Amino acid sequence: MVKLINAFVIAIIYFGSTQSFAAKKILTLGPPPRGLECQEIYETAAQPKSTKEIFATTQSICARKGGLNVLSESYGDPKEPQGVILSCVGDTPDRVIFACYFPAN
């Protein structure tokens, strides 16, 4: 089941990710449901906890963990997203270092 969820998340992120995502959609984000990297990102990000701040912090932590890129995708209706999925990837989108879901407030 976990492998299926991970494959789904990777597919969502791989198809349609953009690095300009954080600049286009500004949401106030809530804390992630789980994940050490995700908690660290949320706690380290500057106020307000917006997509821009969370994305910037994710890039920093991703690089520190050996990742090369952060892929992003909104979850839910594009006009009113329910949250954001951010993935730290290595040399290919298939090499996911970590992925986090941040719900919209």
N, C-alpha and C. Protein backbone atom coordinates (compact mmCIF):
# COMPACT_ATOMS: atom_id res chain seq x y z
N MET A 1 0.82 -1.19 0.00
CA MET A 1 0.00 0.00 0.00
C MET A 1 0.87 1.27 0.00
N VAL A 2 1.92 1.27 0.83
CA VAL A 2 2.82 2.43 0.90
C VAL A 2 3.51 2.65 -0.44
N LYS A 3 3.93 1.56 -1.09
CA LYS A 3 4.59 1.68 -2.39
C LYS A 3 3.63 2.28 -3.42
N LEU A 4 2.37 1.90 -3.35
CA LEU A 4 1.36 2.43 -4.27
C LEU A 4 1.17 3.92 -4.05
N ILE A 5 1.10 4.34 -2.80
CA ILE A 5 0.95 5.76 -2.48
C ILE A 5 2.18 6.53 -2.95
N ASN A 6 3.37 5.99 -2.67
CA ASN A 6 4.61 6.66 -3.12
C ASN A 6 4.66 6.78 -4.64
N ALA A 7 4.26 5.73 -5.34
CA ALA A 7 4.24 5.77 -6.81
C ALA A 7 3.26 6.83 -7.30
N PHE A 8 2.12 6.94 -6.64
CA PHE A 8 1.12 7.94 -7.01
C PHE A 8 1.67 9.35 -6.80
N VAL A 9 2.30 9.57 -5.66
CA VAL A 9 2.88 10.89 -5.36
C VAL A 9 3.95 11.24 -6.39
N ILE A 10 4.81 10.30 -6.71
CA ILE A 10 5.86 10.54 -7.70
C ILE A 10 5.26 10.86 -9.05
N ALA A 11 4.21 10.14 -9.44
CA ALA A 11 3.56 10.40 -10.73
C ALA A 11 2.95 11.79 -10.76
N ILE A 12 2.29 12.18 -9.69
CA ILE A 12 1.69 13.52 -9.62
C ILE A 12 2.77 14.58 -9.74
N ILE A 13 3.85 14.38 -9.02
CA ILE A 13 4.93 15.37 -9.02
C ILE A 13 5.64 15.42 -10.36
N TYR A 14 5.91 14.26 -10.93
CA TYR A 14 6.65 14.20 -12.19
C TYR A 14 5.89 14.87 -13.32
N PHE A 15 4.60 14.64 -13.42
CA PHE A 15 3.79 15.20 -14.50
C PHE A 15 3.20 16.52 -14.05
N GLY A 16 3.76 17.60 -14.50
CA GLY A 16 3.19 18.91 -14.25
C GLY A 16 3.84 19.71 -13.16
N SER A 17 5.02 19.35 -12.71
CA SER A 17 5.71 20.13 -11.70
C SER A 17 6.32 21.37 -12.33
N THR A 18 6.37 22.43 -11.55
CA THR A 18 7.04 23.63 -12.03
C THR A 18 7.80 24.26 -10.87
N GLN A 19 8.96 24.81 -11.17
CA GLN A 19 9.72 25.47 -10.12
C GLN A 19 9.15 26.85 -9.83
N SER A 20 8.40 27.42 -10.75
CA SER A 20 7.81 28.73 -10.50
C SER A 20 6.52 28.61 -9.70
N PHE A 21 6.20 27.42 -9.27
CA PHE A 21 4.98 27.16 -8.51
C PHE A 21 4.86 28.08 -7.30
N ALA A 22 5.93 28.19 -6.53
CA ALA A 22 5.88 28.97 -5.30
C ALA A 22 5.59 30.44 -5.59
N ALA A 23 6.03 30.92 -6.71
CA ALA A 23 5.79 32.32 -7.05
C ALA A 23 4.37 32.54 -7.55
N LYS A 24 3.75 31.52 -8.15
CA LYS A 24 2.42 31.66 -8.73
C LYS A 24 1.30 31.50 -7.72
N LYS A 25 1.42 30.57 -6.82
CA LYS A 25 0.34 30.26 -5.89
C LYS A 25 0.81 30.53 -4.47
N ILE A 26 0.25 31.55 -3.86
CA ILE A 26 0.62 31.86 -2.49
C ILE A 26 -0.51 31.40 -1.58
N LEU A 27 -0.24 30.36 -0.82
CA LEU A 27 -1.19 29.83 0.14
C LEU A 27 -0.55 29.91 1.52
N THR A 28 -1.36 30.01 2.54
CA THR A 28 -0.87 29.83 3.89
C THR A 28 -1.00 28.35 4.19
N LEU A 29 0.09 27.73 4.60
CA LEU A 29 0.11 26.29 4.77
C LEU A 29 0.13 25.89 6.24
N GLY A 30 -0.52 24.77 6.52
CA GLY A 30 -0.52 24.21 7.86
C GLY A 30 0.62 23.24 8.03
N PRO A 31 0.80 22.74 9.26
CA PRO A 31 1.89 21.79 9.49
C PRO A 31 1.65 20.47 8.77
N PRO A 32 2.72 19.81 8.37
CA PRO A 32 2.58 18.52 7.68
C PRO A 32 2.12 17.44 8.66
N PRO A 33 1.41 16.42 8.14
CA PRO A 33 0.94 15.37 9.04
C PRO A 33 2.05 14.52 9.64
N ARG A 34 3.16 14.33 8.93
CA ARG A 34 4.27 13.51 9.47
C ARG A 34 5.53 13.70 8.63
N GLY A 35 6.61 13.10 9.10
CA GLY A 35 7.88 13.15 8.37
C GLY A 35 8.85 14.11 9.03
N LEU A 36 10.04 13.61 9.38
CA LEU A 36 11.03 14.44 10.06
C LEU A 36 11.46 15.63 9.23
N GLU A 37 11.75 15.40 7.94
CA GLU A 37 12.16 16.51 7.08
C GLU A 37 11.03 17.53 6.96
N CYS A 38 9.81 17.03 6.85
CA CYS A 38 8.65 17.90 6.67
C CYS A 38 8.43 18.77 7.90
N GLN A 39 8.55 18.18 9.08
CA GLN A 39 8.42 18.95 10.32
C GLN A 39 9.52 20.01 10.41
N GLU A 40 10.75 19.62 10.04
CA GLU A 40 11.87 20.55 10.07
C GLU A 40 11.64 21.72 9.11
N ILE A 41 11.14 21.43 7.94
CA ILE A 41 10.85 22.48 6.95
C ILE A 41 9.84 23.46 7.52
N TYR A 42 8.75 22.93 8.07
CA TYR A 42 7.68 23.80 8.58
C TYR A 42 8.18 24.65 9.74
N GLU A 43 8.94 24.05 10.65
CA GLU A 43 9.43 24.79 11.82
C GLU A 43 10.49 25.83 11.45
N THR A 44 11.29 25.55 10.42
CA THR A 44 12.37 26.45 10.01
C THR A 44 11.89 27.59 9.12
N ALA A 45 10.84 27.37 8.35
CA ALA A 45 10.35 28.39 7.41
C ALA A 45 9.94 29.66 8.15
N ALA A 46 10.24 30.78 7.52
CA ALA A 46 9.89 32.08 8.09
C ALA A 46 8.38 32.30 8.06
N GLN A 47 7.92 33.21 8.88
CA GLN A 47 6.51 33.60 8.87
C GLN A 47 6.28 34.58 7.73
N PRO A 48 5.14 34.63 7.09
CA PRO A 48 4.05 33.68 7.25
C PRO A 48 4.41 32.36 6.59
N LYS A 49 3.84 31.28 7.03
CA LYS A 49 4.12 29.95 6.49
C LYS A 49 3.41 29.80 5.14
N SER A 50 3.91 30.53 4.15
CA SER A 50 3.31 30.54 2.82
C SER A 50 4.05 29.58 1.90
N THR A 51 3.49 29.34 0.72
CA THR A 51 4.15 28.46 -0.23
C THR A 51 5.55 28.96 -0.56
N LYS A 52 5.71 30.27 -0.66
CA LYS A 52 7.01 30.85 -0.99
C LYS A 52 8.05 30.52 0.09
N GLU A 53 7.69 30.71 1.34
CA GLU A 53 8.61 30.45 2.45
C GLU A 53 8.89 28.95 2.61
N ILE A 54 7.85 28.13 2.51
CA ILE A 54 8.00 26.67 2.64
C ILE A 54 8.87 26.14 1.49
N PHE A 55 8.63 26.63 0.27
CA PHE A 55 9.40 26.18 -0.90
C PHE A 55 10.88 26.52 -0.73
N ALA A 56 11.17 27.75 -0.30
CA ALA A 56 12.56 28.18 -0.12
C ALA A 56 13.27 27.33 0.93
N THR A 57 12.59 27.05 2.03
CA THR A 57 13.18 26.22 3.08
C THR A 57 13.38 24.79 2.59
N THR A 58 12.42 24.28 1.81
CA THR A 58 12.54 22.93 1.25
C THR A 58 13.77 22.84 0.36
N GLN A 59 14.02 23.86 -0.46
CA GLN A 59 15.20 23.86 -1.33
C GLN A 59 16.49 23.77 -0.51
N SER A 60 16.55 24.51 0.57
CA SER A 60 17.74 24.51 1.41
C SER A 60 17.97 23.14 2.07
N ILE A 61 16.92 22.58 2.64
CA ILE A 61 17.04 21.29 3.31
C ILE A 61 17.29 20.18 2.30
N CYS A 62 16.68 20.29 1.13
CA CYS A 62 16.89 19.31 0.06
C CYS A 62 18.37 19.27 -0.33
N ALA A 63 18.97 20.44 -0.54
CA ALA A 63 20.39 20.51 -0.92
C ALA A 63 21.26 19.92 0.18
N ARG A 64 20.92 20.22 1.42
CA ARG A 64 21.69 19.69 2.55
C ARG A 64 21.63 18.16 2.63
N LYS A 65 20.50 17.58 2.20
CA LYS A 65 20.32 16.12 2.23
C LYS A 65 20.85 15.45 0.97
N GLY A 66 21.43 16.22 0.04
CA GLY A 66 22.00 15.65 -1.17
C GLY A 66 21.09 15.69 -2.38
N GLY A 67 19.95 16.34 -2.26
CA GLY A 67 19.03 16.47 -3.38
C GLY A 67 19.48 17.55 -4.35
N LEU A 68 18.98 17.47 -5.58
CA LEU A 68 19.38 18.42 -6.61
C LEU A 68 18.26 19.37 -7.02
N ASN A 69 17.01 19.01 -6.73
CA ASN A 69 15.88 19.80 -7.21
C ASN A 69 14.68 19.58 -6.31
N VAL A 70 13.80 20.58 -6.24
CA VAL A 70 12.53 20.44 -5.53
C VAL A 70 11.42 20.56 -6.56
N LEU A 71 10.61 19.52 -6.62
CA LEU A 71 9.45 19.51 -7.51
C LEU A 71 8.22 19.84 -6.68
N SER A 72 7.28 20.57 -7.28
CA SER A 72 6.09 20.98 -6.53
C SER A 72 4.83 20.77 -7.35
N GLU A 73 3.76 20.54 -6.64
CA GLU A 73 2.46 20.35 -7.27
C GLU A 73 1.37 20.69 -6.27
N SER A 74 0.35 21.40 -6.74
CA SER A 74 -0.79 21.66 -5.86
C SER A 74 -1.68 20.42 -5.85
N TYR A 75 -2.39 20.25 -4.76
CA TYR A 75 -3.27 19.11 -4.59
C TYR A 75 -4.69 19.63 -4.51
N GLY A 76 -5.58 19.06 -5.31
CA GLY A 76 -6.97 19.49 -5.30
C GLY A 76 -7.26 20.43 -6.46
N ASP A 77 -8.33 21.17 -6.34
CA ASP A 77 -8.78 22.11 -7.36
C ASP A 77 -7.72 23.18 -7.58
N PRO A 78 -7.29 23.41 -8.83
CA PRO A 78 -6.26 24.43 -9.09
C PRO A 78 -6.66 25.83 -8.62
N LYS A 79 -7.95 26.13 -8.64
CA LYS A 79 -8.39 27.46 -8.20
C LYS A 79 -8.39 27.59 -6.69
N GLU A 80 -8.64 26.50 -5.98
CA GLU A 80 -8.62 26.49 -4.52
C GLU A 80 -7.93 25.22 -4.04
N PRO A 81 -6.60 25.17 -4.14
CA PRO A 81 -5.87 23.95 -3.76
C PRO A 81 -6.10 23.58 -2.29
N GLN A 82 -6.08 22.28 -2.04
CA GLN A 82 -6.22 21.77 -0.67
C GLN A 82 -4.86 21.69 0.02
N GLY A 83 -3.81 21.77 -0.76
CA GLY A 83 -2.48 21.69 -0.19
C GLY A 83 -1.41 21.65 -1.26
N VAL A 84 -0.19 21.42 -0.82
CA VAL A 84 0.98 21.42 -1.70
C VAL A 84 1.81 20.17 -1.41
N ILE A 85 2.27 19.53 -2.48
CA ILE A 85 3.20 18.40 -2.36
C ILE A 85 4.55 18.88 -2.88
N LEU A 86 5.56 18.76 -2.05
CA LEU A 86 6.92 19.14 -2.44
C LEU A 86 7.81 17.91 -2.31
N SER A 87 8.59 17.65 -3.35
CA SER A 87 9.49 16.49 -3.34
C SER A 87 10.92 16.94 -3.63
N CYS A 88 11.82 16.46 -2.82
CA CYS A 88 13.25 16.65 -3.02
C CYS A 88 13.73 15.45 -3.83
N VAL A 89 14.29 15.72 -5.01
CA VAL A 89 14.72 14.62 -5.88
C VAL A 89 16.21 14.74 -6.17
N GLY A 90 16.77 13.61 -6.58
CA GLY A 90 18.18 13.55 -6.94
C GLY A 90 18.36 13.84 -8.41
N ASP A 91 19.22 13.08 -9.06
CA ASP A 91 19.55 13.32 -10.46
C ASP A 91 18.42 12.98 -11.42
N THR A 92 17.42 12.23 -10.98
CA THR A 92 16.23 11.95 -11.80
C THR A 92 15.00 12.10 -10.91
N PRO A 93 13.83 12.38 -11.51
CA PRO A 93 12.61 12.49 -10.70
C PRO A 93 12.25 11.19 -9.99
N ASP A 94 12.81 10.07 -10.44
CA ASP A 94 12.54 8.78 -9.80
C ASP A 94 13.31 8.61 -8.49
N ARG A 95 14.34 9.38 -8.30
CA ARG A 95 15.15 9.28 -7.08
C ARG A 95 14.67 10.33 -6.07
N VAL A 96 13.64 9.96 -5.32
CA VAL A 96 13.05 10.88 -4.35
C VAL A 96 13.79 10.74 -3.02
N ILE A 97 14.33 11.85 -2.54
CA ILE A 97 15.02 11.88 -1.25
C ILE A 97 13.98 11.94 -0.13
N PHE A 98 13.02 12.85 -0.28
CA PHE A 98 11.88 12.92 0.63
C PHE A 98 10.77 13.69 -0.07
N ALA A 99 9.55 13.50 0.40
CA ALA A 99 8.39 14.22 -0.13
C ALA A 99 7.52 14.64 1.04
N CYS A 100 6.92 15.82 0.93
CA CYS A 100 6.09 16.35 2.01
C CYS A 100 4.78 16.89 1.45
N TYR A 101 3.74 16.70 2.21
CA TYR A 101 2.44 17.29 1.89
C TYR A 101 2.14 18.32 2.96
N PHE A 102 1.84 19.54 2.52
CA PHE A 102 1.47 20.61 3.43
C PHE A 102 0.04 21.03 3.11
N PRO A 103 -0.89 20.84 4.04
CA PRO A 103 -2.28 21.22 3.79
C PRO A 103 -2.46 22.73 3.82
N ALA A 104 -3.38 23.23 3.01
CA ALA A 104 -3.70 24.66 3.03
C ALA A 104 -4.50 24.97 4.29
N ASN A 105 -4.26 26.14 4.84
CA ASN A 105 -5.03 26.58 6.02
C ASN A 105 -6.31 27.23 5.58
